[in-house]
Amino acid sequence: AKGRVIVATFSSNVHRVQQVINSSITYGRKVAFSGRSMEKI
């Protein structure tokens, strides 16, 4: 990825979200959540 990474997944899949965060940390990326259920869960 050369620009922003946007990952769409189920908001309840916390383990998937964790892995997206882990990959982001590996490449020095900040993480933002979008979508009401994603933000809440």
PDB file of all heavy atoms in Angstrom:
ATOM      1  N   ALA A   1       0.824  -1.209   0.000  1.00  0.00           N
ATOM      2  CA  ALA A   1       0.000   0.000   0.000  1.00  0.00           C
ATOM      3  C   ALA A   1       0.854   1.253   0.000  1.00  0.00           C
ATOM      4  O   ALA A   1       1.749   1.423   0.836  1.00  0.00           O
ATOM      5  CB  ALA A   1      -0.921  -0.003   1.213  1.00  0.00           C
ATOM      6  N   LYS A   2       0.575   2.139  -0.958  1.00  0.00           N
ATOM      7  CA  LYS A   2       1.312   3.404  -1.057  1.00  0.00           C
ATOM      8  C   LYS A   2       0.543   4.572  -0.421  1.00  0.00           C
ATOM      9  O   LYS A   2       1.126   5.547   0.006  1.00  0.00           O
ATOM     10  CB  LYS A   2       1.587   3.733  -2.531  1.00  0.00           C
ATOM     11  CG  LYS A   2       2.390   2.663  -3.262  1.00  0.00           C
ATOM     12  CD  LYS A   2       3.796   2.532  -2.688  1.00  0.00           C
ATOM     13  CE  LYS A   2       4.645   1.589  -3.523  1.00  0.00           C
ATOM     14  NZ  LYS A   2       4.275   0.173  -3.329  1.00  0.00           N
ATOM     15  N   GLY A   3      -0.799   4.437  -0.377  1.00  0.00           N
ATOM     16  CA  GLY A   3      -1.628   5.486   0.217  1.00  0.00           C
ATOM     17  C   GLY A   3      -2.349   4.989   1.452  1.00  0.00           C
ATOM     18  O   GLY A   3      -1.831   4.156   2.202  1.00  0.00           O
ATOM     19  N   ARG A   4      -3.537   5.482   1.660  1.00  0.00           N
ATOM     20  CA  ARG A   4      -4.310   5.041   2.824  1.00  0.00           C
ATOM     21  C   ARG A   4      -4.748   3.590   2.644  1.00  0.00           C
ATOM     22  O   ARG A   4      -5.024   3.137   1.519  1.00  0.00           O
ATOM     23  CB  ARG A   4      -5.561   5.917   2.994  1.00  0.00           C
ATOM     24  CG  ARG A   4      -5.268   7.368   3.275  1.00  0.00           C
ATOM     25  CD  ARG A   4      -6.552   8.169   3.441  1.00  0.00           C
ATOM     26  NE  ARG A   4      -7.454   8.066   2.295  1.00  0.00           N
ATOM     27  CZ  ARG A   4      -8.596   8.729   2.190  1.00  0.00           C
ATOM     28  NH1 ARG A   4      -8.989   9.545   3.154  1.00  0.00           N
ATOM     29  NH2 ARG A   4      -9.358   8.588   1.119  1.00  0.00           N
ATOM     30  N   VAL A   5      -4.815   2.873   3.736  1.00  0.00           N
ATOM     31  CA  VAL A   5      -5.402   1.532   3.733  1.00  0.00           C
ATOM     32  C   VAL A   5      -6.776   1.627   4.396  1.00  0.00           C
ATOM     33  O   VAL A   5      -6.897   2.139   5.513  1.00  0.00           O
ATOM     34  CB  VAL A   5      -4.525   0.512   4.479  1.00  0.00           C
ATOM     35  CG1 VAL A   5      -5.247  -0.835   4.564  1.00  0.00           C
ATOM     36  CG2 VAL A   5      -3.188   0.346   3.781  1.00  0.00           C
ATOM     37  N   ILE A   6      -7.793   1.162   3.684  1.00  0.00           N
ATOM     38  CA  ILE A   6      -9.153   1.129   4.234  1.00  0.00           C
ATOM     39  C   ILE A   6      -9.584  -0.328   4.276  1.00  0.00           C
ATOM     40  O   ILE A   6      -9.651  -0.990   3.231  1.00  0.00           O
ATOM     41  CB  ILE A   6     -10.126   1.961   3.365  1.00  0.00           C
ATOM     42  CG1 ILE A   6      -9.648   3.420   3.280  1.00  0.00           C
ATOM     43  CG2 ILE A   6     -11.541   1.894   3.947  1.00  0.00           C
ATOM     44  CD1 ILE A   6     -10.457   4.273   2.317  1.00  0.00           C
ATOM     45  N   VAL A   7      -9.827  -0.839   5.478  1.00  0.00           N
ATOM     46  CA  VAL A   7     -10.208  -2.241   5.646  1.00  0.00           C
ATOM     47  C   VAL A   7     -11.658  -2.319   6.101  1.00  0.00           C
ATOM     48  O   VAL A   7     -12.025  -1.747   7.140  1.00  0.00           O
ATOM     49  CB  VAL A   7      -9.301  -2.960   6.669  1.00  0.00           C
ATOM     50  CG1 VAL A   7      -9.701  -4.435   6.782  1.00  0.00           C
ATOM     51  CG2 VAL A   7      -7.838  -2.848   6.259  1.00  0.00           C
ATOM     52  N   ALA A   8     -12.472  -3.009   5.325  1.00  0.00           N
ATOM     53  CA  ALA A   8     -13.878  -3.227   5.694  1.00  0.00           C
ATOM     54  C   ALA A   8     -14.029  -4.641   6.229  1.00  0.00           C
ATOM     55  O   ALA A   8     -13.622  -5.613   5.572  1.00  0.00           O
ATOM     56  CB  ALA A   8     -14.786  -3.019   4.485  1.00  0.00           C
ATOM     57  N   THR A   9     -14.591  -4.759   7.420  1.00  0.00           N
ATOM     58  CA  THR A   9     -14.803  -6.068   8.016  1.00  0.00           C
ATOM     59  C   THR A   9     -15.993  -5.989   8.964  1.00  0.00           C
ATOM     60  O   THR A   9     -16.570  -4.916   9.185  1.00  0.00           O
ATOM     61  CB  THR A   9     -13.541  -6.561   8.750  1.00  0.00           C
ATOM     62  OG1 THR A   9     -13.707  -7.938   9.105  1.00  0.00           O
ATOM     63  CG2 THR A   9     -13.256  -5.736   9.997  1.00  0.00           C
ATOM     64  N   PHE A  10     -16.374  -7.122   9.534  1.00  0.00           N
ATOM     65  CA  PHE A  10     -17.470  -7.145  10.502  1.00  0.00           C
ATOM     66  C   PHE A  10     -17.008  -6.486  11.800  1.00  0.00           C
ATOM     67  O   PHE A  10     -15.946  -6.830  12.324  1.00  0.00           O
ATOM     68  CB  PHE A  10     -17.929  -8.573  10.775  1.00  0.00           C
ATOM     69  CG  PHE A  10     -18.547  -9.252   9.593  1.00  0.00           C
ATOM     70  CD1 PHE A  10     -17.905 -10.309   8.961  1.00  0.00           C
ATOM     71  CD2 PHE A  10     -19.771  -8.836   9.093  1.00  0.00           C
ATOM     72  CE1 PHE A  10     -18.475 -10.942   7.875  1.00  0.00           C
ATOM     73  CE2 PHE A  10     -20.349  -9.458   8.002  1.00  0.00           C
ATOM     74  CZ  PHE A  10     -19.699 -10.507   7.388  1.00  0.00           C
ATOM     75  N   SER A  11     -17.811  -5.597  12.330  1.00  0.00           N
ATOM     76  CA  SER A  11     -17.415  -4.868  13.540  1.00  0.00           C
ATOM     77  C   SER A  11     -17.253  -5.794  14.743  1.00  0.00           C
ATOM     78  O   SER A  11     -16.459  -5.517  15.646  1.00  0.00           O
ATOM     79  CB  SER A  11     -18.444  -3.781  13.858  1.00  0.00           C
ATOM     80  OG  SER A  11     -19.738  -4.335  13.996  1.00  0.00           O
ATOM     81  N   SER A  12     -17.970  -6.906  14.752  1.00  0.00           N
ATOM     82  CA  SER A  12     -17.898  -7.826  15.895  1.00  0.00           C
ATOM     83  C   SER A  12     -16.666  -8.713  15.861  1.00  0.00           C
ATOM     84  O   SER A  12     -16.338  -9.357  16.861  1.00  0.00           O
ATOM     85  CB  SER A  12     -19.153  -8.706  15.934  1.00  0.00           C
ATOM     86  OG  SER A  12     -19.249  -9.472  14.743  1.00  0.00           O
ATOM     87  N   ASN A  13     -15.960  -8.762  14.708  1.00  0.00           N
ATOM     88  CA  ASN A  13     -14.800  -9.648  14.591  1.00  0.00           C
ATOM     89  C   ASN A  13     -13.576  -8.958  15.193  1.00  0.00           C
ATOM     90  O   ASN A  13     -12.687  -8.471  14.482  1.00  0.00           O
ATOM     91  CB  ASN A  13     -14.557 -10.031  13.135  1.00  0.00           C
ATOM     92  CG  ASN A  13     -13.638 -11.235  12.996  1.00  0.00           C
ATOM     93  OD1 ASN A  13     -12.886 -11.550  13.913  1.00  0.00           O
ATOM     94  ND2 ASN A  13     -13.699 -11.896  11.865  1.00  0.00           N
ATOM     95  N   VAL A  14     -13.525  -8.933  16.505  1.00  0.00           N
ATOM     96  CA  VAL A  14     -12.474  -8.229  17.233  1.00  0.00           C
ATOM     97  C   VAL A  14     -11.089  -8.775  16.881  1.00  0.00           C
ATOM     98  O   VAL A  14     -10.105  -8.028  16.796  1.00  0.00           O
ATOM     99  CB  VAL A  14     -12.734  -8.318  18.754  1.00  0.00           C
ATOM    100  CG1 VAL A  14     -11.583  -7.730  19.545  1.00  0.00           C
ATOM    101  CG2 VAL A  14     -14.030  -7.601  19.105  1.00  0.00           C
ATOM    102  N   HIS A  15     -11.001 -10.074  16.661  1.00  0.00           N
ATOM    103  CA  HIS A  15      -9.704 -10.671  16.325  1.00  0.00           C
ATOM    104  C   HIS A  15      -9.208 -10.180  14.966  1.00  0.00           C
ATOM    105  O   HIS A  15      -8.001  -9.939  14.796  1.00  0.00           O
ATOM    106  CB  HIS A  15      -9.821 -12.195  16.327  1.00  0.00           C
ATOM    107  CG  HIS A  15     -10.215 -12.753  17.649  1.00  0.00           C
ATOM    108  ND1 HIS A  15     -10.969 -13.907  17.792  1.00  0.00           N
ATOM    109  CD2 HIS A  15      -9.972 -12.313  18.914  1.00  0.00           C
ATOM    110  CE1 HIS A  15     -11.166 -14.153  19.078  1.00  0.00           C
ATOM    111  NE2 HIS A  15     -10.573 -13.204  19.774  1.00  0.00           N
ATOM    112  N   ARG A  16     -10.110 -10.004  14.012  1.00  0.00           N
ATOM    113  CA  ARG A  16      -9.718  -9.464  12.708  1.00  0.00           C
ATOM    114  C   ARG A  16      -9.270  -8.008  12.857  1.00  0.00           C
ATOM    115  O   ARG A  16      -8.275  -7.581  12.270  1.00  0.00           O
ATOM    116  CB  ARG A  16     -10.901  -9.571  11.735  1.00  0.00           C
ATOM    117  CG  ARG A  16     -10.602  -9.165  10.301  1.00  0.00           C
ATOM    118  CD  ARG A  16      -9.739 -10.189   9.562  1.00  0.00           C
ATOM    119  NE  ARG A  16     -10.211 -11.543   9.730  1.00  0.00           N
ATOM    120  CZ  ARG A  16     -11.237 -12.091   9.045  1.00  0.00           C
ATOM    121  NH1 ARG A  16     -11.865 -11.377   8.134  1.00  0.00           N
ATOM    122  NH2 ARG A  16     -11.591 -13.348   9.247  1.00  0.00           N
ATOM    123  N   VAL A  17     -10.026  -7.259  13.642  1.00  0.00           N
ATOM    124  CA  VAL A  17      -9.665  -5.859  13.895  1.00  0.00           C
ATOM    125  C   VAL A  17      -8.288  -5.785  14.552  1.00  0.00           C
ATOM    126  O   VAL A  17      -7.453  -4.937  14.196  1.00  0.00           O
ATOM    127  CB  VAL A  17     -10.734  -5.169  14.776  1.00  0.00           C
ATOM    128  CG1 VAL A  17     -10.273  -3.779  15.205  1.00  0.00           C
ATOM    129  CG2 VAL A  17     -12.063  -5.076  14.026  1.00  0.00           C
ATOM    130  N   GLN A  18      -8.027  -6.692  15.495  1.00  0.00           N
ATOM    131  CA  GLN A  18      -6.715  -6.723  16.158  1.00  0.00           C
ATOM    132  C   GLN A  18      -5.597  -6.939  15.147  1.00  0.00           C
ATOM    133  O   GLN A  18      -4.538  -6.290  15.215  1.00  0.00           O
ATOM    134  CB  GLN A  18      -6.692  -7.846  17.200  1.00  0.00           C
ATOM    135  CG  GLN A  18      -5.370  -7.981  17.944  1.00  0.00           C
ATOM    136  CD  GLN A  18      -5.114  -6.826  18.903  1.00  0.00           C
ATOM    137  OE1 GLN A  18      -5.783  -6.702  19.919  1.00  0.00           O
ATOM    138  NE2 GLN A  18      -4.136  -5.982  18.590  1.00  0.00           N
ATOM    139  N   GLN A  19      -5.827  -7.812  14.189  1.00  0.00           N
ATOM    140  CA  GLN A  19      -4.785  -8.112  13.207  1.00  0.00           C
ATOM    141  C   GLN A  19      -4.568  -6.951  12.239  1.00  0.00           C
ATOM    142  O   GLN A  19      -3.442  -6.703  11.801  1.00  0.00           O
ATOM    143  CB  GLN A  19      -5.127  -9.392  12.456  1.00  0.00           C
ATOM    144  CG  GLN A  19      -5.192 -10.589  13.397  1.00  0.00           C
ATOM    145  CD  GLN A  19      -5.103 -11.913  12.694  1.00  0.00           C
ATOM    146  OE1 GLN A  19      -4.082 -12.577  12.727  1.00  0.00           O
ATOM    147  NE2 GLN A  19      -6.180 -12.309  12.043  1.00  0.00           N
ATOM    148  N   VAL A  20      -5.637  -6.229  11.913  1.00  0.00           N
ATOM    149  CA  VAL A  20      -5.486  -5.025  11.089  1.00  0.00           C
ATOM    150  C   VAL A  20      -4.656  -3.985  11.854  1.00  0.00           C
ATOM    151  O   VAL A  20      -3.766  -3.332  11.282  1.00  0.00           O
ATOM    152  CB  VAL A  20      -6.861  -4.446  10.692  1.00  0.00           C
ATOM    153  CG1 VAL A  20      -6.685  -3.121   9.947  1.00  0.00           C
ATOM    154  CG2 VAL A  20      -7.640  -5.431   9.830  1.00  0.00           C
ATOM    155  N   ILE A  21      -4.930  -3.857  13.144  1.00  0.00           N
ATOM    156  CA  ILE A  21      -4.154  -2.923  13.978  1.00  0.00           C
ATOM    157  C   ILE A  21      -2.688  -3.358  14.042  1.00  0.00           C
ATOM    158  O   ILE A  21      -1.766  -2.536  13.906  1.00  0.00           O
ATOM    159  CB  ILE A  21      -4.771  -2.829  15.385  1.00  0.00           C
ATOM    160  CG1 ILE A  21      -6.133  -2.135  15.315  1.00  0.00           C
ATOM    161  CG2 ILE A  21      -3.843  -2.086  16.346  1.00  0.00           C
ATOM    162  CD1 ILE A  21      -6.925  -2.167  16.610  1.00  0.00           C
ATOM    163  N   ASN A  22      -2.452  -4.666  14.208  1.00  0.00           N
ATOM    164  CA  ASN A  22      -1.079  -5.177  14.260  1.00  0.00           C
ATOM    165  C   ASN A  22      -0.323  -4.867  12.970  1.00  0.00           C
ATOM    166  O   ASN A  22       0.846  -4.452  12.999  1.00  0.00           O
ATOM    167  CB  ASN A  22      -1.076  -6.685  14.509  1.00  0.00           C
ATOM    168  CG  ASN A  22      -1.607  -7.057  15.887  1.00  0.00           C
ATOM    169  OD1 ASN A  22      -1.730  -6.197  16.764  1.00  0.00           O
ATOM    170  ND2 ASN A  22      -1.925  -8.317  16.083  1.00  0.00           N
ATOM    171  N   SER A  23      -0.986  -5.074  11.817  1.00  0.00           N
ATOM    172  CA  SER A  23      -0.354  -4.787  10.525  1.00  0.00           C
ATOM    173  C   SER A  23      -0.072  -3.299  10.380  1.00  0.00           C
ATOM    174  O   SER A  23       0.959  -2.896   9.824  1.00  0.00           O
ATOM    175  CB  SER A  23      -1.249  -5.272   9.381  1.00  0.00           C
ATOM    176  OG  SER A  23      -1.445  -6.670   9.435  1.00  0.00           O
ATOM    177  N   SER A  24      -0.999  -2.486  10.886  1.00  0.00           N
ATOM    178  CA  SER A  24      -0.814  -1.032  10.820  1.00  0.00           C
ATOM    179  C   SER A  24       0.396  -0.600  11.646  1.00  0.00           C
ATOM    180  O   SER A  24       1.200   0.236  11.207  1.00  0.00           O
ATOM    181  CB  SER A  24      -2.076  -0.320  11.328  1.00  0.00           C
ATOM    182  OG  SER A  24      -3.200  -0.656  10.537  1.00  0.00           O
ATOM    183  N   ILE A  25       0.541  -1.179  12.826  1.00  0.00           N
ATOM    184  CA  ILE A  25       1.673  -0.843  13.695  1.00  0.00           C
ATOM    185  C   ILE A  25       2.992  -1.225  13.020  1.00  0.00           C
ATOM    186  O   ILE A  25       3.982  -0.485  13.083  1.00  0.00           O
ATOM    187  CB  ILE A  25       1.522  -1.549  15.058  1.00  0.00           C
ATOM    188  CG1 ILE A  25       0.313  -0.978  15.820  1.00  0.00           C
ATOM    189  CG2 ILE A  25       2.786  -1.407  15.895  1.00  0.00           C
ATOM    190  CD1 ILE A  25      -0.101  -1.806  17.022  1.00  0.00           C
ATOM    191  N   THR A  26       2.984  -2.381  12.347  1.00  0.00           N
ATOM    192  CA  THR A  26       4.191  -2.835  11.660  1.00  0.00           C
ATOM    193  C   THR A  26       4.702  -1.799  10.662  1.00  0.00           C
ATOM    194  O   THR A  26       5.919  -1.611  10.500  1.00  0.00           O
ATOM    195  CB  THR A  26       3.910  -4.167  10.925  1.00  0.00           C
ATOM    196  OG1 THR A  26       3.515  -5.159  11.877  1.00  0.00           O
ATOM    197  CG2 THR A  26       5.134  -4.656  10.163  1.00  0.00           C
ATOM    198  N   TYR A  27       3.772  -1.096  10.004  1.00  0.00           N
ATOM    199  CA  TYR A  27       4.158  -0.121   8.986  1.00  0.00           C
ATOM    200  C   TYR A  27       3.949   1.324   9.452  1.00  0.00           C
ATOM    201  O   TYR A  27       3.858   2.233   8.636  1.00  0.00           O
ATOM    202  CB  TYR A  27       3.390  -0.401   7.691  1.00  0.00           C
ATOM    203  CG  TYR A  27       3.853  -1.692   7.053  1.00  0.00           C
ATOM    204  CD1 TYR A  27       3.130  -2.865   7.227  1.00  0.00           C
ATOM    205  CD2 TYR A  27       5.040  -1.744   6.319  1.00  0.00           C
ATOM    206  CE1 TYR A  27       3.563  -4.066   6.678  1.00  0.00           C
ATOM    207  CE2 TYR A  27       5.481  -2.939   5.775  1.00  0.00           C
ATOM    208  CZ  TYR A  27       4.745  -4.098   5.954  1.00  0.00           C
ATOM    209  OH  TYR A  27       5.196  -5.282   5.408  1.00  0.00           O
ATOM    210  N   GLY A  28       3.893   1.510  10.754  1.00  0.00           N
ATOM    211  CA  GLY A  28       3.870   2.858  11.321  1.00  0.00           C
ATOM    212  C   GLY A  28       2.620   3.662  10.991  1.00  0.00           C
ATOM    213  O   GLY A  28       2.679   4.889  10.870  1.00  0.00           O
ATOM    214  N   ARG A  29       1.493   2.995  10.891  1.00  0.00           N
ATOM    215  CA  ARG A  29       0.245   3.675  10.538  1.00  0.00           C
ATOM    216  C   ARG A  29      -0.604   3.942  11.778  1.00  0.00           C
ATOM    217  O   ARG A  29      -0.674   3.114  12.697  1.00  0.00           O
ATOM    218  CB  ARG A  29      -0.574   2.838   9.549  1.00  0.00           C
ATOM    219  CG  ARG A  29       0.038   2.740   8.163  1.00  0.00           C
ATOM    220  CD  ARG A  29      -0.778   1.795   7.280  1.00  0.00           C
ATOM    221  NE  ARG A  29      -0.240   1.743   5.921  1.00  0.00           N
ATOM    222  CZ  ARG A  29      -0.640   2.511   4.920  1.00  0.00           C
ATOM    223  NH1 ARG A  29      -1.613   3.391   5.133  1.00  0.00           N
ATOM    224  NH2 ARG A  29      -0.103   2.406   3.718  1.00  0.00           N
ATOM    225  N   LYS A  30      -1.267   5.098  11.788  1.00  0.00           N
ATOM    226  CA  LYS A  30      -2.291   5.393  12.778  1.00  0.00           C
ATOM    227  C   LYS A  30      -3.596   4.742  12.326  1.00  0.00           C
ATOM    228  O   LYS A  30      -3.817   4.512  11.130  1.00  0.00           O
ATOM    229  CB  LYS A  30      -2.490   6.899  12.927  1.00  0.00           C
ATOM    230  CG  LYS A  30      -1.245   7.668  13.351  1.00  0.00           C
ATOM    231  CD  LYS A  30      -0.804   7.305  14.763  1.00  0.00           C
ATOM    232  CE  LYS A  30       0.364   8.178  15.207  1.00  0.00           C
ATOM    233  NZ  LYS A  30       0.830   7.812  16.571  1.00  0.00           N
ATOM    234  N   VAL A  31      -4.472   4.456  13.287  1.00  0.00           N
ATOM    235  CA  VAL A  31      -5.718   3.737  12.982  1.00  0.00           C
ATOM    236  C   VAL A  31      -6.926   4.562  13.411  1.00  0.00           C
ATOM    237  O   VAL A  31      -6.973   5.073  14.538  1.00  0.00           O
ATOM    238  CB  VAL A  31      -5.759   2.365  13.696  1.00  0.00           C
ATOM    239  CG1 VAL A  31      -7.084   1.662  13.431  1.00  0.00           C
ATOM    240  CG2 VAL A  31      -4.596   1.496  13.237  1.00  0.00           C
ATOM    241  N   ALA A  32      -7.901   4.675  12.503  1.00  0.00           N
ATOM    242  CA  ALA A  32      -9.172   5.342  12.819  1.00  0.00           C
ATOM    243  C   ALA A  32     -10.315   4.381  12.521  1.00  0.00           C
ATOM    244  O   ALA A  32     -10.226   3.571  11.589  1.00  0.00           O
ATOM    245  CB  ALA A  32      -9.322   6.621  12.000  1.00  0.00           C
ATOM    246  N   PHE A  33     -11.380   4.463  13.306  1.00  0.00           N
ATOM    247  CA  PHE A  33     -12.553   3.617  13.100  1.00  0.00           C
ATOM    248  C   PHE A  33     -13.665   4.423  12.445  1.00  0.00           C
ATOM    249  O   PHE A  33     -13.903   5.590  12.789  1.00  0.00           O
ATOM    250  CB  PHE A  33     -13.049   3.054  14.432  1.00  0.00           C
ATOM    251  CG  PHE A  33     -12.062   2.158  15.119  1.00  0.00           C
ATOM    252  CD1 PHE A  33     -11.411   2.565  16.281  1.00  0.00           C
ATOM    253  CD2 PHE A  33     -11.770   0.911  14.607  1.00  0.00           C
ATOM    254  CE1 PHE A  33     -10.501   1.756  16.917  1.00  0.00           C
ATOM    255  CE2 PHE A  33     -10.851   0.078  15.237  1.00  0.00           C
ATOM    256  CZ  PHE A  33     -10.218   0.501  16.390  1.00  0.00           C
ATOM    257  N   SER A  34     -14.383   3.785  11.518  1.00  0.00           N
ATOM    258  CA  SER A  34     -15.494   4.446  10.827  1.00  0.00           C
ATOM    259  C   SER A  34     -16.714   3.529  10.833  1.00  0.00           C
ATOM    260  O   SER A  34     -16.600   2.324  10.563  1.00  0.00           O
ATOM    261  CB  SER A  34     -15.094   4.773   9.383  1.00  0.00           C
ATOM    262  OG  SER A  34     -16.183   5.292   8.672  1.00  0.00           O
ATOM    263  N   GLY A  35     -17.859   4.107  11.125  1.00  0.00           N
ATOM    264  CA  GLY A  35     -19.088   3.311  11.197  1.00  0.00           C
ATOM    265  C   GLY A  35     -19.523   3.174  12.638  1.00  0.00           C
ATOM    266  O   GLY A  35     -18.707   2.875  13.522  1.00  0.00           O
ATOM    267  N   ARG A  36     -20.795   3.380  12.887  1.00  0.00           N
ATOM    268  CA  ARG A  36     -21.309   3.432  14.266  1.00  0.00           C
ATOM    269  C   ARG A  36     -21.005   2.148  15.041  1.00  0.00           C
ATOM    270  O   ARG A  36     -20.509   2.193  16.168  1.00  0.00           O
ATOM    271  CB  ARG A  36     -22.814   3.692  14.225  1.00  0.00           C
ATOM    272  CG  ARG A  36     -23.477   3.811  15.588  1.00  0.00           C
ATOM    273  CD  ARG A  36     -24.910   4.310  15.443  1.00  0.00           C
ATOM    274  NE  ARG A  36     -25.613   4.236  16.702  1.00  0.00           N
ATOM    275  CZ  ARG A  36     -26.340   3.195  17.097  1.00  0.00           C
ATOM    276  NH1 ARG A  36     -26.439   2.134  16.310  1.00  0.00           N
ATOM    277  NH2 ARG A  36     -26.978   3.193  18.251  1.00  0.00           N
ATOM    278  N   SER A  37     -21.306   0.989  14.449  1.00  0.00           N
ATOM    279  CA  SER A  37     -21.096  -0.265  15.178  1.00  0.00           C
ATOM    280  C   SER A  37     -19.610  -0.548  15.361  1.00  0.00           C
ATOM    281  O   SER A  37     -19.194  -1.078  16.399  1.00  0.00           O
ATOM    282  CB  SER A  37     -21.771  -1.429  14.450  1.00  0.00           C
ATOM    283  OG  SER A  37     -21.220  -1.627  13.165  1.00  0.00           O
ATOM    284  N   MET A  38     -18.791  -0.177  14.371  1.00  0.00           N
ATOM    285  CA  MET A  38     -17.341  -0.385  14.495  1.00  0.00           C
ATOM    286  C   MET A  38     -16.784   0.454  15.638  1.00  0.00           C
ATOM    287  O   MET A  38     -15.969  -0.026  16.450  1.00  0.00           O
ATOM    288  CB  MET A  38     -16.650  -0.027  13.178  1.00  0.00           C
ATOM    289  CG  MET A  38     -15.151  -0.271  13.183  1.00  0.00           C
ATOM    290  SD  MET A  38     -14.701  -2.022  13.319  1.00  0.00           S
ATOM    291  CE  MET A  38     -15.147  -2.618  11.680  1.00  0.00           C
ATOM    292  N   GLU A  39     -17.199   1.707  15.695  1.00  0.00           N
ATOM    293  CA  GLU A  39     -16.717   2.587  16.752  1.00  0.00           C
ATOM    294  C   GLU A  39     -17.161   2.085  18.131  1.00  0.00           C
ATOM    295  O   GLU A  39     -16.383   2.072  19.089  1.00  0.00           O
ATOM    296  CB  GLU A  39     -17.231   4.009  16.516  1.00  0.00           C
ATOM    297  CG  GLU A  39     -16.636   4.670  15.284  1.00  0.00           C
ATOM    298  CD  GLU A  39     -17.336   5.975  14.923  1.00  0.00           C
ATOM    299  OE1 GLU A  39     -18.083   6.490  15.772  1.00  0.00           O
ATOM    300  OE2 GLU A  39     -17.141   6.464  13.801  1.00  0.00           O
ATOM    301  N   LYS A  40     -18.417   1.649  18.213  1.00  0.00           N
ATOM    302  CA  LYS A  40     -18.955   1.217  19.509  1.00  0.00           C
ATOM    303  C   LYS A  40     -18.298  -0.072  19.990  1.00  0.00           C
ATOM    304  O   LYS A  40     -17.830  -0.156  21.136  1.00  0.00           O
ATOM    305  CB  LYS A  40     -20.475   1.019  19.397  1.00  0.00           C
ATOM    306  CG  LYS A  40     -21.125   0.598  20.711  1.00  0.00           C
ATOM    307  CD  LYS A  40     -22.631   0.519  20.581  1.00  0.00           C
ATOM    308  CE  LYS A  40     -23.073  -0.694  19.782  1.00  0.00           C
ATOM    309  NZ  LYS A  40     -24.543  -0.888  19.823  1.00  0.00           N
ATOM    310  N   ILE A  41     -18.240  -1.083  19.127  1.00  0.00           N
ATOM    311  CA  ILE A  41     -17.728  -2.384  19.559  1.00  0.00           C
ATOM    312  C   ILE A  41     -16.223  -2.334  19.808  1.00  0.00           C
ATOM    313  O   ILE A  41     -15.721  -2.945  20.760  1.00  0.00           O
ATOM    314  CB  ILE A  41     -18.092  -3.468  18.522  1.00  0.00           C
ATOM    315  CG1 ILE A  41     -19.612  -3.678  18.511  1.00  0.00           C
ATOM    316  CG2 ILE A  41     -17.382  -4.781  18.828  1.00  0.00           C
ATOM    317  CD1 ILE A  41     -20.104  -4.679  17.488  1.00  0.00           C
TER     318      ILE A  41
END
